[in-house]
Amino acid sequence: MHTTGVEGFNLKSPLERSFGWSNGWLSHRSIDVVKIETDERITGWGVGHAAALSLPPETRSLMPRSG
């Protein structure tokens, strides 16, 4: 089995009210999702909670550009 595709997504949703904590203020929630496909037609999904800007450059380079 070989990986044939990797696609990353950063999903964001605004919060009803912003809130602050020791690392700053948040006005939205975000989650990173990765889709991995193989030559055997198997698709897997991975989920993380880090903000896209905190991801390593190698991972960020797999994500689609917006705007």
PDB file of N, CA and C in Angstrom:
ATOM      1  N   MET A   1       0.849  -1.168   0.000  1.00  0.00           N
ATOM      2  CA  MET A   1       0.000   0.000   0.000  1.00  0.00           C
ATOM      3  C   MET A   1       0.902   1.241   0.000  1.00  0.00           C
ATOM      4  N   HIS A   2       0.519   2.235  -0.827  1.00  0.00           N
ATOM      5  CA  HIS A   2       1.266   3.485  -0.921  1.00  0.00           C
ATOM      6  C   HIS A   2       0.315   4.665  -0.803  1.00  0.00           C
ATOM      7  N   THR A   3       0.787   5.719  -0.187  1.00  0.00           N
ATOM      8  CA  THR A   3       0.010   6.955  -0.089  1.00  0.00           C
ATOM      9  C   THR A   3      -0.016   7.628  -1.449  1.00  0.00           C
ATOM     10  N   THR A   4      -1.200   7.990  -1.908  1.00  0.00           N
ATOM     11  CA  THR A   4      -1.341   8.657  -3.203  1.00  0.00           C
ATOM     12  C   THR A   4      -1.818  10.097  -3.077  1.00  0.00           C
ATOM     13  N   GLY A   5      -2.313  10.478  -1.920  1.00  0.00           N
ATOM     14  CA  GLY A   5      -2.776  11.848  -1.750  1.00  0.00           C
ATOM     15  C   GLY A   5      -2.875  12.242  -0.294  1.00  0.00           C
ATOM     16  N   VAL A   6      -2.519  13.482  -0.032  1.00  0.00           N
ATOM     17  CA  VAL A   6      -2.652  14.059   1.306  1.00  0.00           C
ATOM     18  C   VAL A   6      -3.258  15.440   1.126  1.00  0.00           C
ATOM     19  N   GLU A   7      -4.313  15.724   1.866  1.00  0.00           N
ATOM     20  CA  GLU A   7      -4.982  17.016   1.760  1.00  0.00           C
ATOM     21  C   GLU A   7      -5.292  17.517   3.166  1.00  0.00           C
ATOM     22  N   GLY A   8      -4.992  18.767   3.422  1.00  0.00           N
ATOM     23  CA  GLY A   8      -5.228  19.338   4.744  1.00  0.00           C
ATOM     24  C   GLY A   8      -6.266  20.440   4.704  1.00  0.00           C
ATOM     25  N   PHE A   9      -7.028  20.546   5.777  1.00  0.00           N
ATOM     26  CA  PHE A   9      -8.076  21.561   5.885  1.00  0.00           C
ATOM     27  C   PHE A   9      -8.003  22.193   7.269  1.00  0.00           C
ATOM     28  N   ASN A  10      -8.209  23.493   7.345  1.00  0.00           N
ATOM     29  CA  ASN A  10      -8.344  24.181   8.624  1.00  0.00           C
ATOM     30  C   ASN A  10      -9.772  24.687   8.685  1.00  0.00           C
ATOM     31  N   LEU A  11     -10.568  24.143   9.595  1.00  0.00           N
ATOM     32  CA  LEU A  11     -11.971  24.527   9.728  1.00  0.00           C
ATOM     33  C   LEU A  11     -12.112  25.506  10.882  1.00  0.00           C
ATOM     34  N   LYS A  12     -12.827  26.607  10.645  1.00  0.00           N
ATOM     35  CA  LYS A  12     -13.027  27.634  11.670  1.00  0.00           C
ATOM     36  C   LYS A  12     -14.504  27.913  11.854  1.00  0.00           C
ATOM     37  N   SER A  13     -14.863  28.213  13.085  1.00  0.00           N
ATOM     38  CA  SER A  13     -16.232  28.600  13.396  1.00  0.00           C
ATOM     39  C   SER A  13     -16.182  29.729  14.425  1.00  0.00           C
ATOM     40  N   PRO A  14     -16.896  30.839  14.178  1.00  0.00           N
ATOM     41  CA  PRO A  14     -16.863  31.947  15.136  1.00  0.00           C
ATOM     42  C   PRO A  14     -17.565  31.576  16.438  1.00  0.00           C
ATOM     43  N   LEU A  15     -17.046  32.105  17.522  1.00  0.00           N
ATOM     44  CA  LEU A  15     -17.687  31.923  18.823  1.00  0.00           C
ATOM     45  C   LEU A  15     -18.783  32.966  19.006  1.00  0.00           C
ATOM     46  N   GLU A  16     -19.778  32.625  19.774  1.00  0.00           N
ATOM     47  CA  GLU A  16     -20.838  33.582  20.072  1.00  0.00           C
ATOM     48  C   GLU A  16     -20.267  34.782  20.834  1.00  0.00           C
ATOM     49  N   ARG A  17     -19.325  34.493  21.754  1.00  0.00           N
ATOM     50  CA  ARG A  17     -18.639  35.555  22.500  1.00  0.00           C
ATOM     51  C   ARG A  17     -17.156  35.216  22.574  1.00  0.00           C
ATOM     52  N   SER A  18     -16.305  36.207  22.373  1.00  0.00           N
ATOM     53  CA  SER A  18     -14.862  36.006  22.522  1.00  0.00           C
ATOM     54  C   SER A  18     -14.531  35.776  23.995  1.00  0.00           C
ATOM     55  N   PHE A  19     -13.424  35.095  24.238  1.00  0.00           N
ATOM     56  CA  PHE A  19     -12.965  34.947  25.619  1.00  0.00           C
ATOM     57  C   PHE A  19     -11.441  34.987  25.649  1.00  0.00           C
ATOM     58  N   GLY A  20     -10.913  35.388  26.793  1.00  0.00           N
ATOM     59  CA  GLY A  20      -9.473  35.499  26.952  1.00  0.00           C
ATOM     60  C   GLY A  20      -8.940  34.469  27.927  1.00  0.00           C
ATOM     61  N   TRP A  21      -7.681  34.127  27.746  1.00  0.00           N
ATOM     62  CA  TRP A  21      -6.975  33.230  28.640  1.00  0.00           C
ATOM     63  C   TRP A  21      -5.499  33.595  28.596  1.00  0.00           C
ATOM     64  N   SER A  22      -4.621  32.817  29.207  1.00  0.00           N
ATOM     65  CA  SER A  22      -3.213  33.193  29.340  1.00  0.00           C
ATOM     66  C   SER A  22      -2.494  33.365  28.002  1.00  0.00           C
ATOM     67  N   ASN A  23      -2.985  32.741  26.933  1.00  0.00           N
ATOM     68  CA  ASN A  23      -2.341  32.859  25.620  1.00  0.00           C
ATOM     69  C   ASN A  23      -2.975  33.917  24.731  1.00  0.00           C
ATOM     70  N   GLY A  24      -3.948  34.653  25.221  1.00  0.00           N
ATOM     71  CA  GLY A  24      -4.564  35.711  24.421  1.00  0.00           C
ATOM     72  C   GLY A  24      -6.074  35.560  24.353  1.00  0.00           C
ATOM     73  N   TRP A  25      -6.656  36.211  23.349  1.00  0.00           N
ATOM     74  CA  TRP A  25      -8.102  36.208  23.156  1.00  0.00           C
ATOM     75  C   TRP A  25      -8.477  35.320  21.987  1.00  0.00           C
ATOM     76  N   LEU A  26      -9.615  34.638  22.115  1.00  0.00           N
ATOM     77  CA  LEU A  26     -10.127  33.801  21.031  1.00  0.00           C
ATOM     78  C   LEU A  26     -11.488  34.312  20.592  1.00  0.00           C
ATOM     79  N   SER A  27     -11.671  34.416  19.281  1.00  0.00           N
ATOM     80  CA  SER A  27     -12.967  34.825  18.737  1.00  0.00           C
ATOM     81  C   SER A  27     -13.574  33.711  17.891  1.00  0.00           C
ATOM     82  N   HIS A  28     -12.829  32.595  17.751  1.00  0.00           N
ATOM     83  CA  HIS A  28     -13.312  31.463  16.962  1.00  0.00           C
ATOM     84  C   HIS A  28     -12.671  30.173  17.473  1.00  0.00           C
ATOM     85  N   ARG A  29     -13.237  29.080  17.097  1.00  0.00           N
ATOM     86  CA  ARG A  29     -12.646  27.759  17.340  1.00  0.00           C
ATOM     87  C   ARG A  29     -12.134  27.257  15.999  1.00  0.00           C
ATOM     88  N   SER A  30     -11.038  26.525  16.024  1.00  0.00           N
ATOM     89  CA  SER A  30     -10.536  25.957  14.778  1.00  0.00           C
ATOM     90  C   SER A  30     -10.035  24.541  15.026  1.00  0.00           C
ATOM     91  N   ILE A  31     -10.023  23.773  13.970  1.00  0.00           N
ATOM     92  CA  ILE A  31      -9.552  22.392  14.026  1.00  0.00           C
ATOM     93  C   ILE A  31      -8.895  22.074  12.689  1.00  0.00           C
ATOM     94  N   ASP A  32      -7.828  21.303  12.725  1.00  0.00           N
ATOM     95  CA  ASP A  32      -7.144  20.882  11.512  1.00  0.00           C
ATOM     96  C   ASP A  32      -7.525  19.446  11.197  1.00  0.00           C
ATOM     97  N   VAL A  33      -7.846  19.201   9.938  1.00  0.00           N
ATOM     98  CA  VAL A  33      -8.248  17.875   9.483  1.00  0.00           C
ATOM     99  C   VAL A  33      -7.349  17.492   8.313  1.00  0.00           C
ATOM    100  N   VAL A  34      -6.854  16.254   8.311  1.00  0.00           N
ATOM    101  CA  VAL A  34      -6.009  15.758   7.230  1.00  0.00           C
ATOM    102  C   VAL A  34      -6.669  14.532   6.614  1.00  0.00           C
ATOM    103  N   LYS A  35      -6.739  14.511   5.284  1.00  0.00           N
ATOM    104  CA  LYS A  35      -7.286  13.375   4.535  1.00  0.00           C
ATOM    105  C   LYS A  35      -6.122  12.693   3.817  1.00  0.00           C
ATOM    106  N   ILE A  36      -5.990  11.383   4.002  1.00  0.00           N
ATOM    107  CA  ILE A  36      -4.921  10.614   3.369  1.00  0.00           C
ATOM    108  C   ILE A  36      -5.553   9.511   2.533  1.00  0.00           C
ATOM    109  N   GLU A  37      -5.117   9.399   1.263  1.00  0.00           N
ATOM    110  CA  GLU A  37      -5.642   8.381   0.350  1.00  0.00           C
ATOM    111  C   GLU A  37      -4.519   7.437  -0.062  1.00  0.00           C
ATOM    112  N   THR A  38      -4.891   6.167  -0.335  1.00  0.00           N
ATOM    113  CA  THR A  38      -3.902   5.174  -0.750  1.00  0.00           C
ATOM    114  C   THR A  38      -4.248   4.602  -2.119  1.00  0.00           C
ATOM    115  N   ASP A  39      -3.275   3.886  -2.682  1.00  0.00           N
ATOM    116  CA  ASP A  39      -3.488   3.241  -3.977  1.00  0.00           C
ATOM    117  C   ASP A  39      -4.458   2.057  -3.880  1.00  0.00           C
ATOM    118  N   GLU A  40      -4.811   1.651  -2.680  1.00  0.00           N
ATOM    119  CA  GLU A  40      -5.785   0.573  -2.485  1.00  0.00           C
ATOM    120  C   GLU A  40      -7.183   1.129  -2.209  1.00  0.00           C
ATOM    121  N   ARG A  41      -7.373   2.403  -2.528  1.00  0.00           N
ATOM    122  CA  ARG A  41      -8.664   3.093  -2.396  1.00  0.00           C
ATOM    123  C   ARG A  41      -9.139   3.184  -0.942  1.00  0.00           C
ATOM    124  N   ILE A  42      -8.187   3.235  -0.029  1.00  0.00           N
ATOM    125  CA  ILE A  42      -8.494   3.434   1.386  1.00  0.00           C
ATOM    126  C   ILE A  42      -8.280   4.910   1.702  1.00  0.00           C
ATOM    127  N   THR A  43      -9.234   5.503   2.388  1.00  0.00           N
ATOM    128  CA  THR A  43      -9.137   6.907   2.793  1.00  0.00           C
ATOM    129  C   THR A  43      -9.164   6.984   4.310  1.00  0.00           C
ATOM    130  N   GLY A  44      -8.221   7.712   4.868  1.00  0.00           N
ATOM    131  CA  GLY A  44      -8.177   7.913   6.310  1.00  0.00           C
ATOM    132  C   GLY A  44      -8.227   9.392   6.633  1.00  0.00           C
ATOM    133  N   TRP A  45      -8.738   9.700   7.807  1.00  0.00           N
ATOM    134  CA  TRP A  45      -8.862  11.086   8.259  1.00  0.00           C
ATOM    135  C   TRP A  45      -8.163  11.233   9.596  1.00  0.00           C
ATOM    136  N   GLY A  46      -7.474  12.351   9.785  1.00  0.00           N
ATOM    137  CA  GLY A  46      -6.839  12.669  11.055  1.00  0.00           C
ATOM    138  C   GLY A  46      -7.294  14.040  11.515  1.00  0.00           C
ATOM    139  N   VAL A  47      -7.364  14.227  12.818  1.00  0.00           N
ATOM    140  CA  VAL A  47      -7.862  15.484  13.377  1.00  0.00           C
ATOM    141  C   VAL A  47      -6.875  15.995  14.421  1.00  0.00           C
ATOM    142  N   GLY A  48      -6.647  17.290  14.418  1.00  0.00           N
ATOM    143  CA  GLY A  48      -5.806  17.927  15.423  1.00  0.00           C
ATOM    144  C   GLY A  48      -6.446  19.221  15.873  1.00  0.00           C
ATOM    145  N   HIS A  49      -5.967  19.780  16.958  1.00  0.00           N
ATOM    146  CA  HIS A  49      -6.581  21.004  17.466  1.00  0.00           C
ATOM    147  C   HIS A  49      -5.678  22.219  17.358  1.00  0.00           C
ATOM    148  N   ALA A  50      -4.467  22.069  16.867  1.00  0.00           N
ATOM    149  CA  ALA A  50      -3.548  23.209  16.769  1.00  0.00           C
ATOM    150  C   ALA A  50      -4.005  24.177  15.685  1.00  0.00           C
ATOM    151  N   ALA A  51      -3.768  25.454  15.914  1.00  0.00           N
ATOM    152  CA  ALA A  51      -4.075  26.450  14.884  1.00  0.00           C
ATOM    153  C   ALA A  51      -3.141  26.243  13.700  1.00  0.00           C
ATOM    154  N   ALA A  52      -3.623  26.529  12.513  1.00  0.00           N
ATOM    155  CA  ALA A  52      -2.839  26.302  11.295  1.00  0.00           C
ATOM    156  C   ALA A  52      -1.492  27.014  11.344  1.00  0.00           C
ATOM    157  N   LEU A  53      -1.424  28.187  11.944  1.00  0.00           N
ATOM    158  CA  LEU A  53      -0.168  28.923  11.977  1.00  0.00           C
ATOM    159  C   LEU A  53       0.868  28.264  12.864  1.00  0.00           C
ATOM    160  N   SER A  54       0.444  27.368  13.766  1.00  0.00           N
ATOM    161  CA  SER A  54       1.402  26.714  14.648  1.00  0.00           C
ATOM    162  C   SER A  54       1.902  25.389  14.080  1.00  0.00           C
ATOM    163  N   LEU A  55       1.405  24.993  12.921  1.00  0.00           N
ATOM    164  CA  LEU A  55       1.835  23.744  12.304  1.00  0.00           C
ATOM    165  C   LEU A  55       3.214  23.902  11.681  1.00  0.00           C
ATOM    166  N   PRO A  56       3.982  22.811  11.580  1.00  0.00           N
ATOM    167  CA  PRO A  56       5.275  22.878  10.910  1.00  0.00           C
ATOM    168  C   PRO A  56       5.097  23.261   9.441  1.00  0.00           C
ATOM    169  N   PRO A  57       6.095  23.914   8.831  1.00  0.00           N
ATOM    170  CA  PRO A  57       5.989  24.329   7.429  1.00  0.00           C
ATOM    171  C   PRO A  57       5.661  23.172   6.482  1.00  0.00           C
ATOM    172  N   GLU A  58       6.175  21.976   6.774  1.00  0.00           N
ATOM    173  CA  GLU A  58       5.909  20.823   5.906  1.00  0.00           C
ATOM    174  C   GLU A  58       4.421  20.493   5.882  1.00  0.00           C
ATOM    175  N   THR A  59       3.770  20.573   7.031  1.00  0.00           N
ATOM    176  CA  THR A  59       2.337  20.293   7.105  1.00  0.00           C
ATOM    177  C   THR A  59       1.541  21.430   6.495  1.00  0.00           C
ATOM    178  N   ARG A  60       1.919  22.669   6.815  1.00  0.00           N
ATOM    179  CA  ARG A  60       1.216  23.830   6.262  1.00  0.00           C
ATOM    180  C   ARG A  60       1.252  23.833   4.739  1.00  0.00           C
ATOM    181  N   SER A  61       2.359  23.348   4.141  1.00  0.00           N
ATOM    182  CA  SER A  61       2.485  23.365   2.683  1.00  0.00           C
ATOM    183  C   SER A  61       1.473  22.441   2.011  1.00  0.00           C
ATOM    184  N   LEU A  62       0.893  21.493   2.742  1.00  0.00           N
ATOM    185  CA  LEU A  62      -0.098  20.574   2.180  1.00  0.00           C
ATOM    186  C   LEU A  62      -1.499  21.158   2.176  1.00  0.00           C
ATOM    187  N   MET A  63      -1.692  22.265   2.897  1.00  0.00           N
ATOM    188  CA  MET A  63      -3.030  22.826   3.049  1.00  0.00           C
ATOM    189  C   MET A  63      -3.353  23.784   1.907  1.00  0.00           C
ATOM    190  N   PRO A  64      -4.619  23.787   1.453  1.00  0.00           N
ATOM    191  CA  PRO A  64      -4.999  24.701   0.375  1.00  0.00           C
ATOM    192  C   PRO A  64      -4.896  26.153   0.832  1.00  0.00           C
ATOM    193  N   ARG A  65      -4.541  27.010  -0.090  1.00  0.00           N
ATOM    194  CA  ARG A  65      -4.448  28.450   0.195  1.00  0.00           C
ATOM    195  C   ARG A  65      -5.824  29.079   0.041  1.00  0.00           C
ATOM    196  N   SER A  66      -6.177  29.986   0.944  1.00  0.00           N
ATOM    197  CA  SER A  66      -7.462  30.675   0.828  1.00  0.00           C
ATOM    198  C   SER A  66      -7.220  32.127   0.460  1.00  0.00           C
ATOM    199  N   GLY A  67      -8.224  32.711  -0.219  1.00  0.00           N
ATOM    200  CA  GLY A  67      -8.181  34.117  -0.566  1.00  0.00           C
ATOM    201  C   GLY A  67      -7.206  34.401  -1.622  1.00  0.00           C
TER     202      GLY A  67
END
